[in-house]
């Protein structure tokens, strides 16, 4: 069988485009490496809570149940995605590892762990989280120090007794540092000044204000969109701010080097810890797509709102694919509808 569309990735992006494809006469299938829908969320750290309220955490066609102003847990989102796939009877092939994608003439050939699939169009919906990004000097840590990337961290039972350093000032690093500070002497290493925004303001979610002000819909090339991208992501909520204020979390600058068990920072201060959590993000990995014109000189996908220069090849769920919410539950549906209309 030759499919009209094959979607690679069964997370929120893949399910969103599946919702629209289901309404068409196009033949399609979603390929997912995980055993069940929602596993990507289930595997994240136990205490993870979204900073977007339920009112802004739904995919097209199905509202996330519960208090709209409350903040869902990661397991709640995992269950919601499973319900979503079941509600719309989306065709998903699980435990499917895509090993190679090639194009010959008008057809794409997808080699998986157990078959070869042909299709006229491909939507790559694998998200932005591929290969954990670690500094080169991470290997200098002695073996008795527990070091985990944030994608490997589940809870504090994985750690040694003693001090912990969290490297990275994003929302994941902030949440993990706050959690660990209840039981460990906790340091947080950041490379730039932290910027905090409240989760709620005058009884409404900060995202309600973003919505009304048009910030959520601001395109990547707009003046507002460019300004937001240049500022970087803020920390949502004031939990970390309070921890820093009372010295429950001790702030350090950028981590510069490691000498045996000594960790040195930008200001030349040094600490010793028994645990390190690298909340340092991810590098994209598209080595399995055998198309030399796919990436630019920085290794970033060349696209216009998910439409690549290769006819029939699309991407969905990339950070700032169109708006700030493109890689989040709140914005991926708009991009999915846009791509669906283009394909159909």
C-alpha atoms as a PDB file:
ATOM      1  CA  UNK A   1       0.000   0.000   0.000  1.00  0.00           C
ATOM      2  CA  UNK A   2       1.138   3.536  -0.786  1.00  0.00           C
ATOM      3  CA  UNK A   3      -0.144   6.000   1.800  1.00  0.00           C
ATOM      4  CA  UNK A   4      -1.107   9.560   1.043  1.00  0.00           C
ATOM      5  CA  UNK A   5       0.462  10.699   4.331  1.00  0.00           C
ATOM      6  CA  UNK A   6       2.703   9.064   6.926  1.00  0.00           C
ATOM      7  CA  UNK A   7       3.111  10.898  10.224  1.00  0.00           C
ATOM      8  CA  UNK A   8       6.319  10.101  12.117  1.00  0.00           C
ATOM      9  CA  UNK A   9       5.763  10.644  15.837  1.00  0.00           C
ATOM     10  CA  UNK A  10       2.694   9.927  17.962  1.00  0.00           C
ATOM     11  CA  UNK A  11       2.962  12.726  20.505  1.00  0.00           C
ATOM     12  CA  UNK A  12       0.860  15.874  20.658  1.00  0.00           C
ATOM     13  CA  UNK A  13       1.995  17.053  17.207  1.00  0.00           C
ATOM     14  CA  UNK A  14       1.350  13.727  15.479  1.00  0.00           C
ATOM     15  CA  UNK A  15      -2.060  13.355  17.110  1.00  0.00           C
ATOM     16  CA  UNK A  16      -3.034  16.897  16.112  1.00  0.00           C
ATOM     17  CA  UNK A  17      -2.354  16.357  12.415  1.00  0.00           C
ATOM     18  CA  UNK A  18      -4.009  12.944  12.730  1.00  0.00           C
ATOM     19  CA  UNK A  19      -7.181  14.651  13.952  1.00  0.00           C
ATOM     20  CA  UNK A  20      -7.406  16.667  10.738  1.00  0.00           C
ATOM     21  CA  UNK A  21      -6.344  13.849   8.430  1.00  0.00           C
ATOM     22  CA  UNK A  22      -9.096  11.677   9.927  1.00  0.00           C
ATOM     23  CA  UNK A  23     -11.652  14.140   8.571  1.00  0.00           C
ATOM     24  CA  UNK A  24     -10.369  13.686   5.018  1.00  0.00           C
ATOM     25  CA  UNK A  25     -10.337  10.880   2.464  1.00  0.00           C
ATOM     26  CA  UNK A  26      -6.540  10.729   2.593  1.00  0.00           C
ATOM     27  CA  UNK A  27      -5.008   7.407   3.630  1.00  0.00           C
ATOM     28  CA  UNK A  28      -2.578   7.844   6.514  1.00  0.00           C
ATOM     29  CA  UNK A  29      -0.829   6.168   9.421  1.00  0.00           C
ATOM     30  CA  UNK A  30       1.013   7.484  12.483  1.00  0.00           C
ATOM     31  CA  UNK A  31       4.305   5.759  13.353  1.00  0.00           C
ATOM     32  CA  UNK A  32       5.354   5.963  16.998  1.00  0.00           C
ATOM     33  CA  UNK A  33       8.439   4.565  18.697  1.00  0.00           C
ATOM     34  CA  UNK A  34       6.668   4.267  22.067  1.00  0.00           C
ATOM     35  CA  UNK A  35       4.585   1.349  23.315  1.00  0.00           C
ATOM     36  CA  UNK A  36       1.517   3.460  24.138  1.00  0.00           C
ATOM     37  CA  UNK A  37       0.237   6.957  23.466  1.00  0.00           C
ATOM     38  CA  UNK A  38       1.412   9.448  26.079  1.00  0.00           C
ATOM     39  CA  UNK A  39       4.594   7.588  27.031  1.00  0.00           C
ATOM     40  CA  UNK A  40       6.773  10.617  26.265  1.00  0.00           C
ATOM     41  CA  UNK A  41       4.986  12.482  29.061  1.00  0.00           C
ATOM     42  CA  UNK A  42       4.847   9.511  31.453  1.00  0.00           C
ATOM     43  CA  UNK A  43       8.640   9.133  31.285  1.00  0.00           C
ATOM     44  CA  UNK A  44       9.334  12.688  32.438  1.00  0.00           C
ATOM     45  CA  UNK A  45      10.129  13.582  36.050  1.00  0.00           C
ATOM     46  CA  UNK A  46       7.431  12.664  38.562  1.00  0.00           C
ATOM     47  CA  UNK A  47       6.722  16.151  39.918  1.00  0.00           C
ATOM     48  CA  UNK A  48       6.298  17.823  36.520  1.00  0.00           C
ATOM     49  CA  UNK A  49       3.343  20.204  36.394  1.00  0.00           C
ATOM     50  CA  UNK A  50       2.577  22.300  33.316  1.00  0.00           C
ATOM     51  CA  UNK A  51       2.785  26.083  33.616  1.00  0.00           C
ATOM     52  CA  UNK A  52      -0.081  26.418  31.130  1.00  0.00           C
ATOM     53  CA  UNK A  53      -3.544  25.935  32.719  1.00  0.00           C
ATOM     54  CA  UNK A  54      -5.980  23.351  31.367  1.00  0.00           C
ATOM     55  CA  UNK A  55      -7.784  26.038  29.375  1.00  0.00           C
ATOM     56  CA  UNK A  56      -4.605  26.352  27.256  1.00  0.00           C
ATOM     57  CA  UNK A  57      -3.517  22.701  27.260  1.00  0.00           C
ATOM     58  CA  UNK A  58      -5.932  21.060  24.827  1.00  0.00           C
ATOM     59  CA  UNK A  59      -5.564  19.755  21.295  1.00  0.00           C
ATOM     60  CA  UNK A  60      -8.141  20.455  18.550  1.00  0.00           C
ATOM     61  CA  UNK A  61     -11.492  18.775  18.952  1.00  0.00           C
ATOM     62  CA  UNK A  62     -11.262  17.615  22.585  1.00  0.00           C
ATOM     63  CA  UNK A  63     -11.100  19.762  25.713  1.00  0.00           C
ATOM     64  CA  UNK A  64      -8.879  18.601  28.571  1.00  0.00           C
ATOM     65  CA  UNK A  65     -11.226  17.823  31.465  1.00  0.00           C
ATOM     66  CA  UNK A  66     -10.891  19.384  34.909  1.00  0.00           C
ATOM     67  CA  UNK A  67     -10.730  22.887  36.319  1.00  0.00           C
ATOM     68  CA  UNK A  68      -9.860  25.158  33.335  1.00  0.00           C
ATOM     69  CA  UNK A  69      -7.784  27.444  35.562  1.00  0.00           C
ATOM     70  CA  UNK A  70      -5.879  24.565  37.226  1.00  0.00           C
ATOM     71  CA  UNK A  71      -2.494  23.270  36.114  1.00  0.00           C
ATOM     72  CA  UNK A  72      -2.347  19.674  34.844  1.00  0.00           C
ATOM     73  CA  UNK A  73       0.272  17.111  35.835  1.00  0.00           C
ATOM     74  CA  UNK A  74       2.363  15.235  33.275  1.00  0.00           C
ATOM     75  CA  UNK A  75       0.434  11.998  33.909  1.00  0.00           C
ATOM     76  CA  UNK A  76      -2.837  13.842  33.340  1.00  0.00           C
ATOM     77  CA  UNK A  77      -1.548  14.997  29.950  1.00  0.00           C
ATOM     78  CA  UNK A  78      -0.371  11.466  29.120  1.00  0.00           C
ATOM     79  CA  UNK A  79      -3.831  10.067  29.898  1.00  0.00           C
ATOM     80  CA  UNK A  80      -5.468  12.876  27.906  1.00  0.00           C
ATOM     81  CA  UNK A  81      -3.380  12.052  24.821  1.00  0.00           C
ATOM     82  CA  UNK A  82      -4.347   8.385  25.131  1.00  0.00           C
ATOM     83  CA  UNK A  83      -8.015   9.338  25.352  1.00  0.00           C
ATOM     84  CA  UNK A  84      -7.552  11.693  22.399  1.00  0.00           C
ATOM     85  CA  UNK A  85      -6.158   8.961  20.139  1.00  0.00           C
ATOM     86  CA  UNK A  86      -8.939   6.591  21.177  1.00  0.00           C
ATOM     87  CA  UNK A  87     -11.712   9.195  20.768  1.00  0.00           C
ATOM     88  CA  UNK A  88     -10.815   9.899  17.162  1.00  0.00           C
ATOM     89  CA  UNK A  89      -9.761   6.304  16.391  1.00  0.00           C
ATOM     90  CA  UNK A  90      -6.401   7.401  15.031  1.00  0.00           C
ATOM     91  CA  UNK A  91      -4.384   4.714  13.190  1.00  0.00           C
ATOM     92  CA  UNK A  92      -1.140   4.391  15.166  1.00  0.00           C
ATOM     93  CA  UNK A  93       1.589   1.790  14.725  1.00  0.00           C
ATOM     94  CA  UNK A  94       3.414   1.516  18.053  1.00  0.00           C
ATOM     95  CA  UNK A  95       6.926   0.229  18.797  1.00  0.00           C
ATOM     96  CA  UNK A  96       7.878   1.455  15.354  1.00  0.00           C
ATOM     97  CA  UNK A  97      11.439   2.746  15.059  1.00  0.00           C
ATOM     98  CA  UNK A  98      11.987   4.737  11.864  1.00  0.00           C
ATOM     99  CA  UNK A  99      15.545   4.097  10.749  1.00  0.00           C
ATOM    100  CA  UNK A 100      15.753   5.845   7.400  1.00  0.00           C
ATOM    101  CA  UNK A 101      13.734   8.108   5.114  1.00  0.00           C
ATOM    102  CA  UNK A 102      14.564   8.495   1.438  1.00  0.00           C
ATOM    103  CA  UNK A 103      12.823   9.951  -1.585  1.00  0.00           C
ATOM    104  CA  UNK A 104      12.827   8.445  -5.061  1.00  0.00           C
ATOM    105  CA  UNK A 105      10.926  10.298  -7.762  1.00  0.00           C
ATOM    106  CA  UNK A 106       7.546  11.220  -6.225  1.00  0.00           C
ATOM    107  CA  UNK A 107       7.514   8.669  -3.399  1.00  0.00           C
ATOM    108  CA  UNK A 108       9.111   8.542   0.027  1.00  0.00           C
ATOM    109  CA  UNK A 109      10.479   5.254   1.327  1.00  0.00           C
ATOM    110  CA  UNK A 110      10.458   4.807   5.106  1.00  0.00           C
ATOM    111  CA  UNK A 111      12.579   1.989   6.526  1.00  0.00           C
ATOM    112  CA  UNK A 112      11.452   0.898   9.996  1.00  0.00           C
ATOM    113  CA  UNK A 113      12.587  -1.851  12.356  1.00  0.00           C
ATOM    114  CA  UNK A 114      10.250  -4.363  10.662  1.00  0.00           C
ATOM    115  CA  UNK A 115       9.037  -3.004   7.310  1.00  0.00           C
ATOM    116  CA  UNK A 116       9.396  -0.546   4.454  1.00  0.00           C
ATOM    117  CA  UNK A 117       6.541   1.919   4.017  1.00  0.00           C
ATOM    118  CA  UNK A 118       5.864   4.065   0.942  1.00  0.00           C
ATOM    119  CA  UNK A 119       4.031   7.376   0.984  1.00  0.00           C
ATOM    120  CA  UNK A 120       3.441  10.520  -1.046  1.00  0.00           C
ATOM    121  CA  UNK A 121       3.805  12.866   1.926  1.00  0.00           C
ATOM    122  CA  UNK A 122       5.565  12.762   5.284  1.00  0.00           C
ATOM    123  CA  UNK A 123       4.902  14.852   8.388  1.00  0.00           C
ATOM    124  CA  UNK A 124       7.837  14.662  10.820  1.00  0.00           C
ATOM    125  CA  UNK A 125       6.240  15.186  14.231  1.00  0.00           C
ATOM    126  CA  UNK A 126       9.006  13.927  16.493  1.00  0.00           C
ATOM    127  CA  UNK A 127       9.165  17.138  18.508  1.00  0.00           C
ATOM    128  CA  UNK A 128      12.242  19.124  19.567  1.00  0.00           C
ATOM    129  CA  UNK A 129      13.587  16.741  22.235  1.00  0.00           C
ATOM    130  CA  UNK A 130      16.006  14.287  20.611  1.00  0.00           C
ATOM    131  CA  UNK A 131      19.578  13.945  21.895  1.00  0.00           C
ATOM    132  CA  UNK A 132      20.367  15.273  25.408  1.00  0.00           C
ATOM    133  CA  UNK A 133      22.761  18.205  25.202  1.00  0.00           C
ATOM    134  CA  UNK A 134      25.673  17.868  27.642  1.00  0.00           C
ATOM    135  CA  UNK A 135      28.813  20.025  27.971  1.00  0.00           C
ATOM    136  CA  UNK A 136      32.011  18.296  26.899  1.00  0.00           C
ATOM    137  CA  UNK A 137      33.432  18.523  30.425  1.00  0.00           C
ATOM    138  CA  UNK A 138      30.568  16.476  31.921  1.00  0.00           C
ATOM    139  CA  UNK A 139      32.739  13.379  31.472  1.00  0.00           C
ATOM    140  CA  UNK A 140      35.261  14.871  33.893  1.00  0.00           C
ATOM    141  CA  UNK A 141      32.985  14.225  36.873  1.00  0.00           C
ATOM    142  CA  UNK A 142      34.224  11.340  39.053  1.00  0.00           C
ATOM    143  CA  UNK A 143      32.143   8.167  38.955  1.00  0.00           C
ATOM    144  CA  UNK A 144      30.876   8.503  42.520  1.00  0.00           C
ATOM    145  CA  UNK A 145      28.977  11.677  41.546  1.00  0.00           C
ATOM    146  CA  UNK A 146      25.514  10.898  40.196  1.00  0.00           C
ATOM    147  CA  UNK A 147      24.883  12.865  37.019  1.00  0.00           C
ATOM    148  CA  UNK A 148      21.629  12.748  35.071  1.00  0.00           C
ATOM    149  CA  UNK A 149      20.195  14.714  32.207  1.00  0.00           C
ATOM    150  CA  UNK A 150      16.793  16.166  33.069  1.00  0.00           C
ATOM    151  CA  UNK A 151      15.229  13.665  30.629  1.00  0.00           C
ATOM    152  CA  UNK A 152      16.628  10.825  32.804  1.00  0.00           C
ATOM    153  CA  UNK A 153      15.666  12.356  36.136  1.00  0.00           C
ATOM    154  CA  UNK A 154      12.513  10.936  37.749  1.00  0.00           C
ATOM    155  CA  UNK A 155      12.755  11.752  41.457  1.00  0.00           C
ATOM    156  CA  UNK A 156      15.273  12.257  44.267  1.00  0.00           C
ATOM    157  CA  UNK A 157      15.576   8.529  45.054  1.00  0.00           C
ATOM    158  CA  UNK A 158      18.021   8.336  42.111  1.00  0.00           C
ATOM    159  CA  UNK A 159      20.461  10.640  43.889  1.00  0.00           C
ATOM    160  CA  UNK A 160      23.187  10.326  46.488  1.00  0.00           C
ATOM    161  CA  UNK A 161      22.894  11.982  49.848  1.00  0.00           C
ATOM    162  CA  UNK A 162      24.557  15.383  49.817  1.00  0.00           C
ATOM    163  CA  UNK A 163      24.580  18.521  47.714  1.00  0.00           C
ATOM    164  CA  UNK A 164      23.142  18.727  44.192  1.00  0.00           C
ATOM    165  CA  UNK A 165      23.876  21.095  41.337  1.00  0.00           C
ATOM    166  CA  UNK A 166      21.174  21.757  38.731  1.00  0.00           C
ATOM    167  CA  UNK A 167      22.660  23.228  35.559  1.00  0.00           C
ATOM    168  CA  UNK A 168      20.212  25.182  33.406  1.00  0.00           C
ATOM    169  CA  UNK A 169      17.801  28.004  34.142  1.00  0.00           C
ATOM    170  CA  UNK A 170      14.759  26.946  32.116  1.00  0.00           C
ATOM    171  CA  UNK A 171      11.442  25.905  33.603  1.00  0.00           C
ATOM    172  CA  UNK A 172      12.513  22.262  33.974  1.00  0.00           C
ATOM    173  CA  UNK A 173      15.695  23.235  35.802  1.00  0.00           C
ATOM    174  CA  UNK A 174      13.705  25.600  38.010  1.00  0.00           C
ATOM    175  CA  UNK A 175      11.101  22.966  38.948  1.00  0.00           C
ATOM    176  CA  UNK A 176      13.723  20.302  39.658  1.00  0.00           C
ATOM    177  CA  UNK A 177      15.811  22.678  41.785  1.00  0.00           C
ATOM    178  CA  UNK A 178      12.758  23.679  43.823  1.00  0.00           C
ATOM    179  CA  UNK A 179      11.841  20.024  44.399  1.00  0.00           C
ATOM    180  CA  UNK A 180      15.351  18.928  45.410  1.00  0.00           C
ATOM    181  CA  UNK A 181      15.856  21.876  47.755  1.00  0.00           C
ATOM    182  CA  UNK A 182      13.391  20.256  50.177  1.00  0.00           C
ATOM    183  CA  UNK A 183      15.905  17.474  50.896  1.00  0.00           C
ATOM    184  CA  UNK A 184      19.316  18.557  49.540  1.00  0.00           C
ATOM    185  CA  UNK A 185      21.648  21.507  49.638  1.00  0.00           C
ATOM    186  CA  UNK A 186      20.832  22.747  46.147  1.00  0.00           C
ATOM    187  CA  UNK A 187      22.754  24.955  43.719  1.00  0.00           C
ATOM    188  CA  UNK A 188      21.383  26.295  40.432  1.00  0.00           C
ATOM    189  CA  UNK A 189      23.803  27.290  37.667  1.00  0.00           C
ATOM    190  CA  UNK A 190      22.493  29.667  34.995  1.00  0.00           C
ATOM    191  CA  UNK A 191      24.106  31.476  32.098  1.00  0.00           C
ATOM    192  CA  UNK A 192      21.897  34.564  32.110  1.00  0.00           C
ATOM    193  CA  UNK A 193      19.749  36.624  34.441  1.00  0.00           C
ATOM    194  CA  UNK A 194      16.580  34.833  35.484  1.00  0.00           C
ATOM    195  CA  UNK A 195      13.314  36.461  34.508  1.00  0.00           C
ATOM    196  CA  UNK A 196      10.139  35.521  36.380  1.00  0.00           C
ATOM    197  CA  UNK A 197       6.485  35.841  35.395  1.00  0.00           C
ATOM    198  CA  UNK A 198       3.492  35.032  37.616  1.00  0.00           C
ATOM    199  CA  UNK A 199       1.339  32.008  36.841  1.00  0.00           C
ATOM    200  CA  UNK A 200      -1.755  34.077  37.632  1.00  0.00           C
ATOM    201  CA  UNK A 201      -2.506  37.789  37.781  1.00  0.00           C
ATOM    202  CA  UNK A 202      -5.645  39.231  39.388  1.00  0.00           C
ATOM    203  CA  UNK A 203      -7.239  35.791  39.433  1.00  0.00           C
ATOM    204  CA  UNK A 204      -6.527  34.931  35.783  1.00  0.00           C
ATOM    205  CA  UNK A 205      -3.793  32.881  34.150  1.00  0.00           C
ATOM    206  CA  UNK A 206      -0.961  34.909  32.664  1.00  0.00           C
ATOM    207  CA  UNK A 207      -1.746  33.044  29.423  1.00  0.00           C
ATOM    208  CA  UNK A 208      -5.236  34.597  29.418  1.00  0.00           C
ATOM    209  CA  UNK A 209      -3.537  37.991  29.192  1.00  0.00           C
ATOM    210  CA  UNK A 210      -1.118  36.709  26.531  1.00  0.00           C
ATOM    211  CA  UNK A 211      -4.141  35.518  24.549  1.00  0.00           C
ATOM    212  CA  UNK A 212      -6.060  38.794  24.833  1.00  0.00           C
ATOM    213  CA  UNK A 213      -2.975  40.851  23.956  1.00  0.00           C
ATOM    214  CA  UNK A 214      -2.300  38.732  20.861  1.00  0.00           C
ATOM    215  CA  UNK A 215       1.037  37.459  22.174  1.00  0.00           C
ATOM    216  CA  UNK A 216       0.088  33.772  21.798  1.00  0.00           C
ATOM    217  CA  UNK A 217      -0.645  34.284  18.096  1.00  0.00           C
ATOM    218  CA  UNK A 218       2.378  36.493  17.348  1.00  0.00           C
ATOM    219  CA  UNK A 219       4.281  34.992  14.415  1.00  0.00           C
ATOM    220  CA  UNK A 220       8.002  34.292  14.583  1.00  0.00           C
ATOM    221  CA  UNK A 221       8.767  37.035  12.057  1.00  0.00           C
ATOM    222  CA  UNK A 222       6.542  39.706  13.629  1.00  0.00           C
ATOM    223  CA  UNK A 223       8.032  42.496  15.760  1.00  0.00           C
ATOM    224  CA  UNK A 224       6.435  41.027  18.894  1.00  0.00           C
ATOM    225  CA  UNK A 225       7.540  37.502  17.988  1.00  0.00           C
ATOM    226  CA  UNK A 226      11.137  38.578  17.372  1.00  0.00           C
ATOM    227  CA  UNK A 227      11.247  40.445  20.680  1.00  0.00           C
ATOM    228  CA  UNK A 228       9.955  37.420  22.612  1.00  0.00           C
ATOM    229  CA  UNK A 229      12.486  35.119  20.933  1.00  0.00           C
ATOM    230  CA  UNK A 230      15.347  37.475  21.774  1.00  0.00           C
ATOM    231  CA  UNK A 231      14.303  37.601  25.423  1.00  0.00           C
ATOM    232  CA  UNK A 232      14.289  33.836  25.866  1.00  0.00           C
ATOM    233  CA  UNK A 233      11.845  31.892  28.013  1.00  0.00           C
ATOM    234  CA  UNK A 234      10.911  33.253  31.443  1.00  0.00           C
ATOM    235  CA  UNK A 235      10.439  31.138  34.568  1.00  0.00           C
ATOM    236  CA  UNK A 236       6.703  30.833  35.183  1.00  0.00           C
ATOM    237  CA  UNK A 237       5.714  31.095  38.832  1.00  0.00           C
ATOM    238  CA  UNK A 238       7.558  32.444  41.861  1.00  0.00           C
ATOM    239  CA  UNK A 239       8.488  29.223  43.695  1.00  0.00           C
ATOM    240  CA  UNK A 240      12.124  29.405  42.625  1.00  0.00           C
ATOM    241  CA  UNK A 241      12.261  33.137  43.312  1.00  0.00           C
ATOM    242  CA  UNK A 242      11.206  32.505  46.916  1.00  0.00           C
ATOM    243  CA  UNK A 243      13.727  29.677  47.284  1.00  0.00           C
ATOM    244  CA  UNK A 244      16.510  31.944  46.054  1.00  0.00           C
ATOM    245  CA  UNK A 245      15.391  34.699  48.402  1.00  0.00           C
ATOM    246  CA  UNK A 246      15.611  32.470  51.496  1.00  0.00           C
ATOM    247  CA  UNK A 247      18.768  30.698  50.250  1.00  0.00           C
ATOM    248  CA  UNK A 248      17.071  27.315  49.946  1.00  0.00           C
ATOM    249  CA  UNK A 249      18.467  27.324  46.400  1.00  0.00           C
ATOM    250  CA  UNK A 250      21.903  28.917  45.942  1.00  0.00           C
ATOM    251  CA  UNK A 251      22.439  30.663  42.606  1.00  0.00           C
ATOM    252  CA  UNK A 252      25.658  30.318  40.641  1.00  0.00           C
ATOM    253  CA  UNK A 253      26.735  31.637  37.237  1.00  0.00           C
ATOM    254  CA  UNK A 254      27.522  29.604  34.155  1.00  0.00           C
ATOM    255  CA  UNK A 255      29.311  26.306  34.801  1.00  0.00           C
ATOM    256  CA  UNK A 256      32.714  26.599  33.123  1.00  0.00           C
ATOM    257  CA  UNK A 257      34.767  23.508  33.986  1.00  0.00           C
ATOM    258  CA  UNK A 258      35.170  20.434  36.166  1.00  0.00           C
ATOM    259  CA  UNK A 259      38.403  19.354  37.808  1.00  0.00           C
ATOM    260  CA  UNK A 260      37.890  15.935  39.405  1.00  0.00           C
ATOM    261  CA  UNK A 261      35.219  16.666  42.018  1.00  0.00           C
ATOM    262  CA  UNK A 262      35.442  20.475  41.866  1.00  0.00           C
ATOM    263  CA  UNK A 263      32.970  22.395  39.725  1.00  0.00           C
ATOM    264  CA  UNK A 264      34.094  25.871  38.688  1.00  0.00           C
ATOM    265  CA  UNK A 265      31.792  28.697  37.613  1.00  0.00           C
ATOM    266  CA  UNK A 266      32.152  31.824  35.494  1.00  0.00           C
ATOM    267  CA  UNK A 267      33.071  33.955  38.531  1.00  0.00           C
ATOM    268  CA  UNK A 268      35.818  31.426  39.443  1.00  0.00           C
ATOM    269  CA  UNK A 269      33.913  30.209  42.520  1.00  0.00           C
ATOM    270  CA  UNK A 270      34.147  26.453  43.173  1.00  0.00           C
ATOM    271  CA  UNK A 271      31.847  23.896  44.813  1.00  0.00           C
ATOM    272  CA  UNK A 272      31.814  20.157  45.427  1.00  0.00           C
ATOM    273  CA  UNK A 273      28.588  18.195  45.065  1.00  0.00           C
ATOM    274  CA  UNK A 274      27.452  14.588  45.074  1.00  0.00           C
ATOM    275  CA  UNK A 275      24.882  15.004  42.291  1.00  0.00           C
ATOM    276  CA  UNK A 276      24.500  16.955  39.052  1.00  0.00           C
ATOM    277  CA  UNK A 277      21.308  17.379  37.017  1.00  0.00           C
ATOM    278  CA  UNK A 278      21.956  18.665  33.501  1.00  0.00           C
ATOM    279  CA  UNK A 279      18.824  20.644  32.545  1.00  0.00           C
ATOM    280  CA  UNK A 280      20.695  21.811  29.475  1.00  0.00           C
ATOM    281  CA  UNK A 281      18.244  20.989  26.705  1.00  0.00           C
ATOM    282  CA  UNK A 282      18.554  18.856  23.608  1.00  0.00           C
ATOM    283  CA  UNK A 283      20.206  18.752  20.207  1.00  0.00           C
ATOM    284  CA  UNK A 284      18.060  17.889  17.180  1.00  0.00           C
ATOM    285  CA  UNK A 285      18.862  14.644  15.370  1.00  0.00           C
ATOM    286  CA  UNK A 286      17.642  14.128  11.822  1.00  0.00           C
ATOM    287  CA  UNK A 287      20.455  11.852  10.685  1.00  0.00           C
ATOM    288  CA  UNK A 288      17.841   9.258   9.704  1.00  0.00           C
ATOM    289  CA  UNK A 289      16.446  11.538   6.987  1.00  0.00           C
ATOM    290  CA  UNK A 290      18.620  10.946   3.930  1.00  0.00           C
ATOM    291  CA  UNK A 291      18.115  14.306   2.200  1.00  0.00           C
ATOM    292  CA  UNK A 292      21.155  16.590   2.060  1.00  0.00           C
ATOM    293  CA  UNK A 293      19.186  19.787   1.390  1.00  0.00           C
ATOM    294  CA  UNK A 294      17.060  19.429   4.556  1.00  0.00           C
ATOM    295  CA  UNK A 295      19.258  21.374   7.011  1.00  0.00           C
ATOM    296  CA  UNK A 296      20.981  24.737   6.917  1.00  0.00           C
ATOM    297  CA  UNK A 297      24.628  25.338   7.894  1.00  0.00           C
ATOM    298  CA  UNK A 298      23.625  25.392  11.600  1.00  0.00           C
ATOM    299  CA  UNK A 299      21.959  21.984  11.373  1.00  0.00           C
ATOM    300  CA  UNK A 300      18.479  23.505  11.612  1.00  0.00           C
ATOM    301  CA  UNK A 301      15.581  22.377   9.406  1.00  0.00           C
ATOM    302  CA  UNK A 302      14.936  24.789   6.536  1.00  0.00           C
ATOM    303  CA  UNK A 303      11.211  25.423   6.413  1.00  0.00           C
ATOM    304  CA  UNK A 304       8.448  27.978   6.079  1.00  0.00           C
ATOM    305  CA  UNK A 305       5.902  27.229   8.787  1.00  0.00           C
ATOM    306  CA  UNK A 306       6.707  23.524   8.545  1.00  0.00           C
ATOM    307  CA  UNK A 307       6.816  23.339   4.745  1.00  0.00           C
ATOM    308  CA  UNK A 308      10.292  22.307   3.601  1.00  0.00           C
ATOM    309  CA  UNK A 309      12.007  22.802   0.263  1.00  0.00           C
ATOM    310  CA  UNK A 310      11.521  19.074  -0.393  1.00  0.00           C
ATOM    311  CA  UNK A 311       8.096  18.609  -1.927  1.00  0.00           C
ATOM    312  CA  UNK A 312       5.891  16.428   0.272  1.00  0.00           C
ATOM    313  CA  UNK A 313       8.073  16.691   3.397  1.00  0.00           C
ATOM    314  CA  UNK A 314       6.685  18.631   6.348  1.00  0.00           C
ATOM    315  CA  UNK A 315       7.575  19.270   9.980  1.00  0.00           C
ATOM    316  CA  UNK A 316       5.266  19.837  12.911  1.00  0.00           C
ATOM    317  CA  UNK A 317       5.897  20.714  16.569  1.00  0.00           C
ATOM    318  CA  UNK A 318       9.167  22.632  16.139  1.00  0.00           C
ATOM    319  CA  UNK A 319       9.946  25.467  18.575  1.00  0.00           C
ATOM    320  CA  UNK A 320       8.733  28.727  17.057  1.00  0.00           C
ATOM    321  CA  UNK A 321       7.603  26.899  13.924  1.00  0.00           C
ATOM    322  CA  UNK A 322       5.099  29.736  13.642  1.00  0.00           C
ATOM    323  CA  UNK A 323       4.411  31.048  17.172  1.00  0.00           C
ATOM    324  CA  UNK A 324       5.770  30.584  20.684  1.00  0.00           C
ATOM    325  CA  UNK A 325       3.210  27.812  21.233  1.00  0.00           C
ATOM    326  CA  UNK A 326       4.173  25.751  18.185  1.00  0.00           C
ATOM    327  CA  UNK A 327       6.007  23.150  20.295  1.00  0.00           C
ATOM    328  CA  UNK A 328       3.377  23.258  23.058  1.00  0.00           C
ATOM    329  CA  UNK A 329      -0.106  21.837  23.475  1.00  0.00           C
ATOM    330  CA  UNK A 330      -1.587  25.323  23.204  1.00  0.00           C
ATOM    331  CA  UNK A 331      -0.266  26.076  19.721  1.00  0.00           C
ATOM    332  CA  UNK A 332       0.512  22.880  17.849  1.00  0.00           C
ATOM    333  CA  UNK A 333      -3.103  22.453  16.702  1.00  0.00           C
ATOM    334  CA  UNK A 334      -3.034  25.677  14.670  1.00  0.00           C
ATOM    335  CA  UNK A 335       0.099  24.553  12.844  1.00  0.00           C
ATOM    336  CA  UNK A 336      -1.421  21.106  12.279  1.00  0.00           C
ATOM    337  CA  UNK A 337      -4.483  22.631  10.641  1.00  0.00           C
ATOM    338  CA  UNK A 338      -2.295  24.839   8.455  1.00  0.00           C
ATOM    339  CA  UNK A 339      -0.240  21.873   7.217  1.00  0.00           C
ATOM    340  CA  UNK A 340      -3.340  19.738   6.722  1.00  0.00           C
ATOM    341  CA  UNK A 341      -4.890  22.410   4.489  1.00  0.00           C
ATOM    342  CA  UNK A 342      -1.656  22.665   2.499  1.00  0.00           C
ATOM    343  CA  UNK A 343      -1.402  18.882   2.036  1.00  0.00           C
ATOM    344  CA  UNK A 344      -5.040  18.351   1.174  1.00  0.00           C
END
